[in-house]
Amino acid sequence: LEFRRVLFRSNCQACHQANGKGAGPIKPLDGAAVVLDADASKQIKVLLNGQNNAMPSWKQLSDTEIAAVISFTKNNWSNKTGQLVQPADVHAAR
């Protein structure tokens, strides 16, 4: 869990905030449909490809790092999905 939290803090928190609520045009992760969706590939695609010119691509992160940070968002704040994304899931989406 700590590895996931550190990755979130260092790569995502500046925009999405420590509480996952986002700010201004930055979408919240807490309660977000894409985060809560049982199909993790939707969120994986956002991290790999970016979204709407606001969310940058994070392809430079490893499969393990992307899987960890998505698992963090799926199970933090009010998000209690119990879903754990695996590096193989990210690898398959690349």
PDB file of N, CA and C in Angstrom:
ATOM      1  N   LEU A   1       0.828  -1.204   0.000  1.00  0.00           N
ATOM      2  CA  LEU A   1       0.000   0.000   0.000  1.00  0.00           C
ATOM      3  C   LEU A   1       0.863   1.254   0.000  1.00  0.00           C
ATOM      4  N   GLU A   2       1.941   1.249   0.755  1.00  0.00           N
ATOM      5  CA  GLU A   2       2.776   2.450   0.820  1.00  0.00           C
ATOM      6  C   GLU A   2       3.383   2.786  -0.540  1.00  0.00           C
ATOM      7  N   PHE A   3       3.795   1.764  -1.295  1.00  0.00           N
ATOM      8  CA  PHE A   3       4.336   1.966  -2.642  1.00  0.00           C
ATOM      9  C   PHE A   3       3.295   2.675  -3.507  1.00  0.00           C
ATOM     10  N   ARG A   4       2.049   2.226  -3.417  1.00  0.00           N
ATOM     11  CA  ARG A   4       0.969   2.828  -4.200  1.00  0.00           C
ATOM     12  C   ARG A   4       0.750   4.281  -3.798  1.00  0.00           C
ATOM     13  N   ARG A   5       0.746   4.528  -2.502  1.00  0.00           N
ATOM     14  CA  ARG A   5       0.521   5.888  -1.990  1.00  0.00           C
ATOM     15  C   ARG A   5       1.639   6.829  -2.449  1.00  0.00           C
ATOM     16  N   VAL A   6       2.878   6.370  -2.380  1.00  0.00           N
ATOM     17  CA  VAL A   6       4.018   7.183  -2.805  1.00  0.00           C
ATOM     18  C   VAL A   6       3.909   7.505  -4.291  1.00  0.00           C
ATOM     19  N   LEU A   7       3.540   6.537  -5.092  1.00  0.00           N
ATOM     20  CA  LEU A   7       3.370   6.780  -6.530  1.00  0.00           C
ATOM     21  C   LEU A   7       2.284   7.816  -6.787  1.00  0.00           C
ATOM     22  N   PHE A   8       1.168   7.707  -6.071  1.00  0.00           N
ATOM     23  CA  PHE A   8       0.092   8.677  -6.232  1.00  0.00           C
ATOM     24  C   PHE A   8       0.587  10.066  -5.852  1.00  0.00           C
ATOM     25  N   ARG A   9       1.244  10.164  -4.708  1.00  0.00           N
ATOM     26  CA  ARG A   9       1.730  11.472  -4.237  1.00  0.00           C
ATOM     27  C   ARG A   9       2.689  12.101  -5.236  1.00  0.00           C
ATOM     28  N   SER A  10       3.579  11.309  -5.791  1.00  0.00           N
ATOM     29  CA  SER A  10       4.617  11.875  -6.651  1.00  0.00           C
ATOM     30  C   SER A  10       4.157  12.124  -8.088  1.00  0.00           C
ATOM     31  N   ASN A  11       3.095  11.466  -8.539  1.00  0.00           N
ATOM     32  CA  ASN A  11       2.688  11.602  -9.931  1.00  0.00           C
ATOM     33  C   ASN A  11       1.287  12.193 -10.144  1.00  0.00           C
ATOM     34  N   CYS A  12       0.405  12.056  -9.183  1.00  0.00           N
ATOM     35  CA  CYS A  12      -1.001  12.390  -9.404  1.00  0.00           C
ATOM     36  C   CYS A  12      -1.541  13.479  -8.479  1.00  0.00           C
ATOM     37  N   GLN A  13      -1.021  13.522  -7.279  1.00  0.00           N
ATOM     38  CA  GLN A  13      -1.586  14.369  -6.237  1.00  0.00           C
ATOM     39  C   GLN A  13      -1.558  15.856  -6.578  1.00  0.00           C
ATOM     40  N   ALA A  14      -0.558  16.317  -7.308  1.00  0.00           N
ATOM     41  CA  ALA A  14      -0.465  17.743  -7.620  1.00  0.00           C
ATOM     42  C   ALA A  14      -1.722  18.247  -8.324  1.00  0.00           C
ATOM     43  N   CYS A  15      -2.313  17.423  -9.147  1.00  0.00           N
ATOM     44  CA  CYS A  15      -3.531  17.827  -9.860  1.00  0.00           C
ATOM     45  C   CYS A  15      -4.807  17.303  -9.198  1.00  0.00           C
ATOM     46  N   HIS A  16      -4.798  16.040  -8.824  1.00  0.00           N
ATOM     47  CA  HIS A  16      -6.024  15.410  -8.311  1.00  0.00           C
ATOM     48  C   HIS A  16      -6.225  15.617  -6.808  1.00  0.00           C
ATOM     49  N   GLN A  17      -5.237  16.212  -6.123  1.00  0.00           N
ATOM     50  CA  GLN A  17      -5.289  16.540  -4.705  1.00  0.00           C
ATOM     51  C   GLN A  17      -5.160  15.295  -3.821  1.00  0.00           C
ATOM     52  N   ALA A  18      -4.691  15.493  -2.610  1.00  0.00           N
ATOM     53  CA  ALA A  18      -4.497  14.396  -1.660  1.00  0.00           C
ATOM     54  C   ALA A  18      -5.812  13.713  -1.311  1.00  0.00           C
ATOM     55  N   ASN A  19      -6.903  14.463  -1.378  1.00  0.00           N
ATOM     56  CA  ASN A  19      -8.218  13.904  -1.038  1.00  0.00           C
ATOM     57  C   ASN A  19      -8.939  13.307  -2.252  1.00  0.00           C
ATOM     58  N   GLY A  20      -8.297  13.323  -3.421  1.00  0.00           N
ATOM     59  CA  GLY A  20      -8.892  12.740  -4.619  1.00  0.00           C
ATOM     60  C   GLY A  20     -10.025  13.541  -5.213  1.00  0.00           C
ATOM     61  N   LYS A  21     -10.239  14.765  -4.724  1.00  0.00           N
ATOM     62  CA  LYS A  21     -11.391  15.562  -5.156  1.00  0.00           C
ATOM     63  C   LYS A  21     -11.121  16.406  -6.397  1.00  0.00           C
ATOM     64  N   GLY A  22      -9.861  16.463  -6.856  1.00  0.00           N
ATOM     65  CA  GLY A  22      -9.556  17.304  -8.000  1.00  0.00           C
ATOM     66  C   GLY A  22      -9.739  18.768  -7.647  1.00  0.00           C
ATOM     67  N   ALA A  23      -9.611  19.636  -8.642  1.00  0.00           N
ATOM     68  CA  ALA A  23      -9.786  21.070  -8.423  1.00  0.00           C
ATOM     69  C   ALA A  23      -9.987  21.745  -9.766  1.00  0.00           C
ATOM     70  N   GLY A  24     -10.939  22.648  -9.835  1.00  0.00           N
ATOM     71  CA  GLY A  24     -11.198  23.353 -11.085  1.00  0.00           C
ATOM     72  C   GLY A  24     -11.478  22.373 -12.207  1.00  0.00           C
ATOM     73  N   PRO A  25     -10.715  22.472 -13.315  1.00  0.00           N
ATOM     74  CA  PRO A  25     -10.970  21.571 -14.449  1.00  0.00           C
ATOM     75  C   PRO A  25     -10.436  20.151 -14.230  1.00  0.00           C
ATOM     76  N   ILE A  26      -9.699  19.932 -13.145  1.00  0.00           N
ATOM     77  CA  ILE A  26      -9.125  18.606 -12.875  1.00  0.00           C
ATOM     78  C   ILE A  26     -10.208  17.723 -12.271  1.00  0.00           C
ATOM     79  N   LYS A  27     -10.467  16.616 -12.940  1.00  0.00           N
ATOM     80  CA  LYS A  27     -11.522  15.722 -12.496  1.00  0.00           C
ATOM     81  C   LYS A  27     -11.184  15.039 -11.178  1.00  0.00           C
ATOM     82  N   PRO A  28     -12.199  14.835 -10.337  1.00  0.00           N
ATOM     83  CA  PRO A  28     -11.966  14.076  -9.107  1.00  0.00           C
ATOM     84  C   PRO A  28     -11.773  12.597  -9.420  1.00  0.00           C
ATOM     85  N   LEU A  29     -11.015  11.935  -8.575  1.00  0.00           N
ATOM     86  CA  LEU A  29     -10.865  10.477  -8.660  1.00  0.00           C
ATOM     87  C   LEU A  29     -11.771   9.795  -7.638  1.00  0.00           C
ATOM     88  N   ASP A  30     -12.057  10.492  -6.557  1.00  0.00           N
ATOM     89  CA  ASP A  30     -12.936   9.961  -5.519  1.00  0.00           C
ATOM     90  C   ASP A  30     -14.361   9.923  -6.063  1.00  0.00           C
ATOM     91  N   GLY A  31     -14.888   8.722  -6.212  1.00  0.00           N
ATOM     92  CA  GLY A  31     -16.243   8.556  -6.710  1.00  0.00           C
ATOM     93  C   GLY A  31     -16.378   8.622  -8.223  1.00  0.00           C
ATOM     94  N   ALA A  32     -15.273   8.713  -8.942  1.00  0.00           N
ATOM     95  CA  ALA A  32     -15.312   8.822 -10.403  1.00  0.00           C
ATOM     96  C   ALA A  32     -15.756   7.507 -11.039  1.00  0.00           C
ATOM     97  N   ALA A  33     -16.618   7.611 -12.029  1.00  0.00           N
ATOM     98  CA  ALA A  33     -17.149   6.421 -12.711  1.00  0.00           C
ATOM     99  C   ALA A  33     -16.033   5.549 -13.286  1.00  0.00           C
ATOM    100  N   VAL A  34     -15.021   6.168 -13.903  1.00  0.00           N
ATOM    101  CA  VAL A  34     -13.944   5.384 -14.513  1.00  0.00           C
ATOM    102  C   VAL A  34     -13.131   4.634 -13.462  1.00  0.00           C
ATOM    103  N   VAL A  35     -13.023   5.195 -12.272  1.00  0.00           N
ATOM    104  CA  VAL A  35     -12.283   4.545 -11.192  1.00  0.00           C
ATOM    105  C   VAL A  35     -13.113   3.412 -10.592  1.00  0.00           C
ATOM    106  N   LEU A  36     -14.404   3.630 -10.461  1.00  0.00           N
ATOM    107  CA  LEU A  36     -15.284   2.631  -9.855  1.00  0.00           C
ATOM    108  C   LEU A  36     -15.662   1.507 -10.814  1.00  0.00           C
ATOM    109  N   ASP A  37     -15.481   1.723 -12.101  1.00  0.00           N
ATOM    110  CA  ASP A  37     -15.864   0.736 -13.117  1.00  0.00           C
ATOM    111  C   ASP A  37     -15.121  -0.584 -12.903  1.00  0.00           C
ATOM    112  N   ALA A  38     -15.835  -1.677 -13.026  1.00  0.00           N
ATOM    113  CA  ALA A  38     -15.222  -3.004 -12.877  1.00  0.00           C
ATOM    114  C   ALA A  38     -14.238  -3.297 -14.006  1.00  0.00           C
ATOM    115  N   ASP A  39     -14.375  -2.604 -15.129  1.00  0.00           N
ATOM    116  CA  ASP A  39     -13.472  -2.774 -16.262  1.00  0.00           C
ATOM    117  C   ASP A  39     -12.288  -1.824 -16.095  1.00  0.00           C
ATOM    118  N   ALA A  40     -11.228  -2.323 -15.506  1.00  0.00           N
ATOM    119  CA  ALA A  40     -10.050  -1.494 -15.224  1.00  0.00           C
ATOM    120  C   ALA A  40      -9.365  -1.006 -16.489  1.00  0.00           C
ATOM    121  N   SER A  41      -9.621  -1.649 -17.620  1.00  0.00           N
ATOM    122  CA  SER A  41      -8.951  -1.240 -18.858  1.00  0.00           C
ATOM    123  C   SER A  41      -9.303   0.196 -19.238  1.00  0.00           C
ATOM    124  N   LYS A  42     -10.464   0.677 -18.822  1.00  0.00           N
ATOM    125  CA  LYS A  42     -10.849   2.062 -19.125  1.00  0.00           C
ATOM    126  C   LYS A  42      -9.903   3.041 -18.437  1.00  0.00           C
ATOM    127  N   GLN A  43      -9.609   2.798 -17.180  1.00  0.00           N
ATOM    128  CA  GLN A  43      -8.701   3.677 -16.441  1.00  0.00           C
ATOM    129  C   GLN A  43      -7.267   3.494 -16.925  1.00  0.00           C
ATOM    130  N   ILE A  44      -6.897   2.283 -17.256  1.00  0.00           N
ATOM    131  CA  ILE A  44      -5.547   2.029 -17.795  1.00  0.00           C
ATOM    132  C   ILE A  44      -5.347   2.846 -19.065  1.00  0.00           C
ATOM    133  N   LYS A  45      -6.341   2.882 -19.944  1.00  0.00           N
ATOM    134  CA  LYS A  45      -6.228   3.636 -21.194  1.00  0.00           C
ATOM    135  C   LYS A  45      -6.049   5.124 -20.932  1.00  0.00           C
ATOM    136  N   VAL A  46      -6.719   5.656 -19.914  1.00  0.00           N
ATOM    137  CA  VAL A  46      -6.566   7.075 -19.572  1.00  0.00           C
ATOM    138  C   VAL A  46      -5.121   7.355 -19.157  1.00  0.00           C
ATOM    139  N   LEU A  47      -4.550   6.497 -18.327  1.00  0.00           N
ATOM    140  CA  LEU A  47      -3.171   6.720 -17.891  1.00  0.00           C
ATOM    141  C   LEU A  47      -2.173   6.555 -19.033  1.00  0.00           C
ATOM    142  N   LEU A  48      -2.424   5.615 -19.918  1.00  0.00           N
ATOM    143  CA  LEU A  48      -1.500   5.388 -21.020  1.00  0.00           C
ATOM    144  C   LEU A  48      -1.609   6.454 -22.110  1.00  0.00           C
ATOM    145  N   ASN A  49      -2.816   6.946 -22.361  1.00  0.00           N
ATOM    146  CA  ASN A  49      -3.047   7.827 -23.501  1.00  0.00           C
ATOM    147  C   ASN A  49      -3.367   9.269 -23.147  1.00  0.00           C
ATOM    148  N   GLY A  50      -3.621   9.544 -21.875  1.00  0.00           N
ATOM    149  CA  GLY A  50      -4.061  10.874 -21.499  1.00  0.00           C
ATOM    150  C   GLY A  50      -5.531  11.053 -21.868  1.00  0.00           C
ATOM    151  N   GLN A  51      -6.062  12.243 -21.573  1.00  0.00           N
ATOM    152  CA  GLN A  51      -7.481  12.473 -21.860  1.00  0.00           C
ATOM    153  C   GLN A  51      -7.758  13.969 -21.973  1.00  0.00           C
ATOM    154  N   ASN A  52      -8.468  14.348 -23.015  1.00  0.00           N
ATOM    155  CA  ASN A  52      -8.998  15.708 -23.195  1.00  0.00           C
ATOM    156  C   ASN A  52      -7.961  16.822 -23.061  1.00  0.00           C
ATOM    157  N   ASN A  53      -6.744  16.582 -23.438  1.00  0.00           N
ATOM    158  CA  ASN A  53      -5.669  17.578 -23.357  1.00  0.00           C
ATOM    159  C   ASN A  53      -5.427  18.121 -21.947  1.00  0.00           C
ATOM    160  N   ALA A  54      -6.092  17.562 -20.953  1.00  0.00           N
ATOM    161  CA  ALA A  54      -5.874  17.999 -19.575  1.00  0.00           C
ATOM    162  C   ALA A  54      -5.059  16.964 -18.809  1.00  0.00           C
ATOM    163  N   MET A  55      -5.378  15.710 -19.041  1.00  0.00           N
ATOM    164  CA  MET A  55      -4.672  14.602 -18.394  1.00  0.00           C
ATOM    165  C   MET A  55      -3.565  14.138 -19.330  1.00  0.00           C
ATOM    166  N   PRO A  56      -2.308  14.268 -18.905  1.00  0.00           N
ATOM    167  CA  PRO A  56      -1.213  13.814 -19.771  1.00  0.00           C
ATOM    168  C   PRO A  56      -1.098  12.296 -19.792  1.00  0.00           C
ATOM    169  N   SER A  57      -0.428  11.810 -20.802  1.00  0.00           N
ATOM    170  CA  SER A  57      -0.085  10.392 -20.862  1.00  0.00           C
ATOM    171  C   SER A  57       0.975  10.100 -19.816  1.00  0.00           C
ATOM    172  N   TRP A  58       0.885   8.946 -19.176  1.00  0.00           N
ATOM    173  CA  TRP A  58       1.886   8.525 -18.199  1.00  0.00           C
ATOM    174  C   TRP A  58       2.578   7.238 -18.665  1.00  0.00           C
ATOM    175  N   LYS A  59       2.738   7.102 -19.996  1.00  0.00           N
ATOM    176  CA  LYS A  59       3.376   5.913 -20.562  1.00  0.00           C
ATOM    177  C   LYS A  59       4.780   5.682 -20.051  1.00  0.00           C
ATOM    178  N   GLN A  60       5.424   6.744 -19.548  1.00  0.00           N
ATOM    179  CA  GLN A  60       6.798   6.595 -19.059  1.00  0.00           C
ATOM    180  C   GLN A  60       6.858   5.783 -17.773  1.00  0.00           C
ATOM    181  N   LEU A  61       5.735   5.653 -17.072  1.00  0.00           N
ATOM    182  CA  LEU A  61       5.706   4.804 -15.875  1.00  0.00           C
ATOM    183  C   LEU A  61       5.710   3.341 -16.298  1.00  0.00           C
ATOM    184  N   SER A  62       6.254   2.499 -15.460  1.00  0.00           N
ATOM    185  CA  SER A  62       6.289   1.065 -15.764  1.00  0.00           C
ATOM    186  C   SER A  62       4.903   0.453 -15.602  1.00  0.00           C
ATOM    187  N   ASP A  63       4.729  -0.738 -16.127  1.00  0.00           N
ATOM    188  CA  ASP A  63       3.459  -1.459 -15.968  1.00  0.00           C
ATOM    189  C   ASP A  63       3.142  -1.634 -14.485  1.00  0.00           C
ATOM    190  N   THR A  64       4.156  -1.936 -13.697  1.00  0.00           N
ATOM    191  CA  THR A  64       3.967  -2.122 -12.257  1.00  0.00           C
ATOM    192  C   THR A  64       3.527  -0.830 -11.591  1.00  0.00           C
ATOM    193  N   GLU A  65       4.138   0.279 -11.968  1.00  0.00           N
ATOM    194  CA  GLU A  65       3.779   1.568 -11.375  1.00  0.00           C
ATOM    195  C   GLU A  65       2.359   1.981 -11.735  1.00  0.00           C
ATOM    196  N   ILE A  66       1.979   1.815 -12.996  1.00  0.00           N
ATOM    197  CA  ILE A  66       0.615   2.173 -13.415  1.00  0.00           C
ATOM    198  C   ILE A  66      -0.403   1.285 -12.719  1.00  0.00           C
ATOM    199  N   ALA A  67      -0.131  -0.004 -12.640  1.00  0.00           N
ATOM    200  CA  ALA A  67      -1.039  -0.923 -11.950  1.00  0.00           C
ATOM    201  C   ALA A  67      -1.186  -0.528 -10.486  1.00  0.00           C
ATOM    202  N   ALA A  68      -0.084  -0.154  -9.862  1.00  0.00           N
ATOM    203  CA  ALA A  68      -0.114   0.204  -8.445  1.00  0.00           C
ATOM    204  C   ALA A  68      -0.914   1.477  -8.200  1.00  0.00           C
ATOM    205  N   VAL A  69      -0.705   2.496  -9.007  1.00  0.00           N
ATOM    206  CA  VAL A  69      -1.399   3.761  -8.774  1.00  0.00           C
ATOM    207  C   VAL A  69      -2.891   3.621  -9.080  1.00  0.00           C
ATOM    208  N   ILE A  70      -3.257   2.816 -10.070  1.00  0.00           N
ATOM    209  CA  ILE A  70      -4.678   2.589 -10.343  1.00  0.00           C
ATOM    210  C   ILE A  70      -5.298   1.791  -9.199  1.00  0.00           C
ATOM    211  N   SER A  71      -4.605   0.786  -8.713  1.00  0.00           N
ATOM    212  CA  SER A  71      -5.108   0.022  -7.563  1.00  0.00           C
ATOM    213  C   SER A  71      -5.315   0.936  -6.364  1.00  0.00           C
ATOM    214  N   PHE A  72      -4.401   1.893  -6.171  1.00  0.00           N
ATOM    215  CA  PHE A  72      -4.538   2.862  -5.081  1.00  0.00           C
ATOM    216  C   PHE A  72      -5.824   3.663  -5.243  1.00  0.00           C
ATOM    217  N   THR A  73      -6.063   4.201  -6.437  1.00  0.00           N
ATOM    218  CA  THR A  73      -7.250   5.039  -6.623  1.00  0.00           C
ATOM    219  C   THR A  73      -8.539   4.234  -6.505  1.00  0.00           C
ATOM    220  N   LYS A  74      -8.502   2.971  -6.874  1.00  0.00           N
ATOM    221  CA  LYS A  74      -9.699   2.124  -6.799  1.00  0.00           C
ATOM    222  C   LYS A  74     -10.055   1.726  -5.365  1.00  0.00           C
ATOM    223  N   ASN A  75      -9.141   1.969  -4.423  1.00  0.00           N
ATOM    224  CA  ASN A  75      -9.360   1.504  -3.051  1.00  0.00           C
ATOM    225  C   ASN A  75      -9.066   2.563  -1.998  1.00  0.00           C
ATOM    226  N   ASN A  76      -9.082   3.819  -2.386  1.00  0.00           N
ATOM    227  CA  ASN A  76      -8.805   4.895  -1.439  1.00  0.00           C
ATOM    228  C   ASN A  76      -9.986   5.862  -1.403  1.00  0.00           C
ATOM    229  N   TRP A  77     -10.006   6.717  -0.399  1.00  0.00           N
ATOM    230  CA  TRP A  77     -11.091   7.675  -0.173  1.00  0.00           C
ATOM    231  C   TRP A  77     -12.412   6.904  -0.024  1.00  0.00           C
ATOM    232  N   SER A  78     -13.442   7.278  -0.753  1.00  0.00           N
ATOM    233  CA  SER A  78     -14.704   6.526  -0.675  1.00  0.00           C
ATOM    234  C   SER A  78     -14.722   5.359  -1.656  1.00  0.00           C
ATOM    235  N   ASN A  79     -13.696   5.248  -2.477  1.00  0.00           N
ATOM    236  CA  ASN A  79     -13.613   4.159  -3.461  1.00  0.00           C
ATOM    237  C   ASN A  79     -13.155   2.884  -2.748  1.00  0.00           C
ATOM    238  N   LYS A  80     -14.021   1.945  -2.634  1.00  0.00           N
ATOM    239  CA  LYS A  80     -13.693   0.681  -1.951  1.00  0.00           C
ATOM    240  C   LYS A  80     -14.064  -0.480  -2.864  1.00  0.00           C
ATOM    241  N   THR A  81     -13.460  -0.507  -4.051  1.00  0.00           N
ATOM    242  CA  THR A  81     -13.840  -1.512  -5.050  1.00  0.00           C
ATOM    243  C   THR A  81     -13.283  -2.893  -4.745  1.00  0.00           C
ATOM    244  N   GLY A  82     -12.174  -2.960  -4.001  1.00  0.00           N
ATOM    245  CA  GLY A  82     -11.514  -4.245  -3.785  1.00  0.00           C
ATOM    246  C   GLY A  82     -10.755  -4.724  -5.008  1.00  0.00           C
ATOM    247  N   GLN A  83     -10.714  -3.922  -6.060  1.00  0.00           N
ATOM    248  CA  GLN A  83     -10.034  -4.314  -7.298  1.00  0.00           C
ATOM    249  C   GLN A  83      -8.541  -4.033  -7.213  1.00  0.00           C
ATOM    250  N   LEU A  84      -7.755  -4.987  -7.649  1.00  0.00           N
ATOM    251  CA  LEU A  84      -6.314  -4.810  -7.761  1.00  0.00           C
ATOM    252  C   LEU A  84      -5.922  -5.025  -9.211  1.00  0.00           C
ATOM    253  N   VAL A  85      -5.344  -4.025  -9.811  1.00  0.00           N
ATOM    254  CA  VAL A  85      -4.909  -4.103 -11.199  1.00  0.00           C
ATOM    255  C   VAL A  85      -3.512  -4.716 -11.219  1.00  0.00           C
ATOM    256  N   GLN A  86      -3.296  -5.607 -12.155  1.00  0.00           N
ATOM    257  CA  GLN A  86      -2.016  -6.298 -12.265  1.00  0.00           C
ATOM    258  C   GLN A  86      -1.158  -5.684 -13.388  1.00  0.00           C
ATOM    259  N   PRO A  87       0.154  -5.731 -13.235  1.00  0.00           N
ATOM    260  CA  PRO A  87       1.032  -5.227 -14.296  1.00  0.00           C
ATOM    261  C   PRO A  87       0.722  -5.874 -15.662  1.00  0.00           C
ATOM    262  N   ALA A  88       0.323  -7.118 -15.659  1.00  0.00           N
ATOM    263  CA  ALA A  88      -0.012  -7.791 -16.929  1.00  0.00           C
ATOM    264  C   ALA A  88      -1.201  -7.139 -17.617  1.00  0.00           C
ATOM    265  N   ASP A  89      -2.128  -6.581 -16.820  1.00  0.00           N
ATOM    266  CA  ASP A  89      -3.283  -5.871 -17.393  1.00  0.00           C
ATOM    267  C   ASP A  89      -2.809  -4.624 -18.140  1.00  0.00           C
ATOM    268  N   VAL A  90      -1.870  -3.919 -17.552  1.00  0.00           N
ATOM    269  CA  VAL A  90      -1.330  -2.704 -18.170  1.00  0.00           C
ATOM    270  C   VAL A  90      -0.523  -3.092 -19.413  1.00  0.00           C
ATOM    271  N   HIS A  91       0.295  -4.100 -19.288  1.00  0.00           N
ATOM    272  CA  HIS A  91       1.104  -4.560 -20.404  1.00  0.00           C
ATOM    273  C   HIS A  91       0.228  -4.912 -21.603  1.00  0.00           C
ATOM    274  N   ALA A  92      -0.873  -5.594 -21.357  1.00  0.00           N
ATOM    275  CA  ALA A  92      -1.788  -5.993 -22.428  1.00  0.00           C
ATOM    276  C   ALA A  92      -2.419  -4.786 -23.123  1.00  0.00           C
ATOM    277  N   ALA A  93      -2.571  -3.684 -22.401  1.00  0.00           N
ATOM    278  CA  ALA A  93      -3.212  -2.493 -22.964  1.00  0.00           C
ATOM    279  C   ALA A  93      -2.230  -1.590 -23.717  1.00  0.00           C
ATOM    280  N   ARG A  94      -0.943  -1.802 -23.531  1.00  0.00           N
ATOM    281  CA  ARG A  94       0.048  -0.910 -24.176  1.00  0.00           C
ATOM    282  C   ARG A  94       0.023  -1.027 -25.656  1.00  0.00           C
TER     283      ARG A  94
END
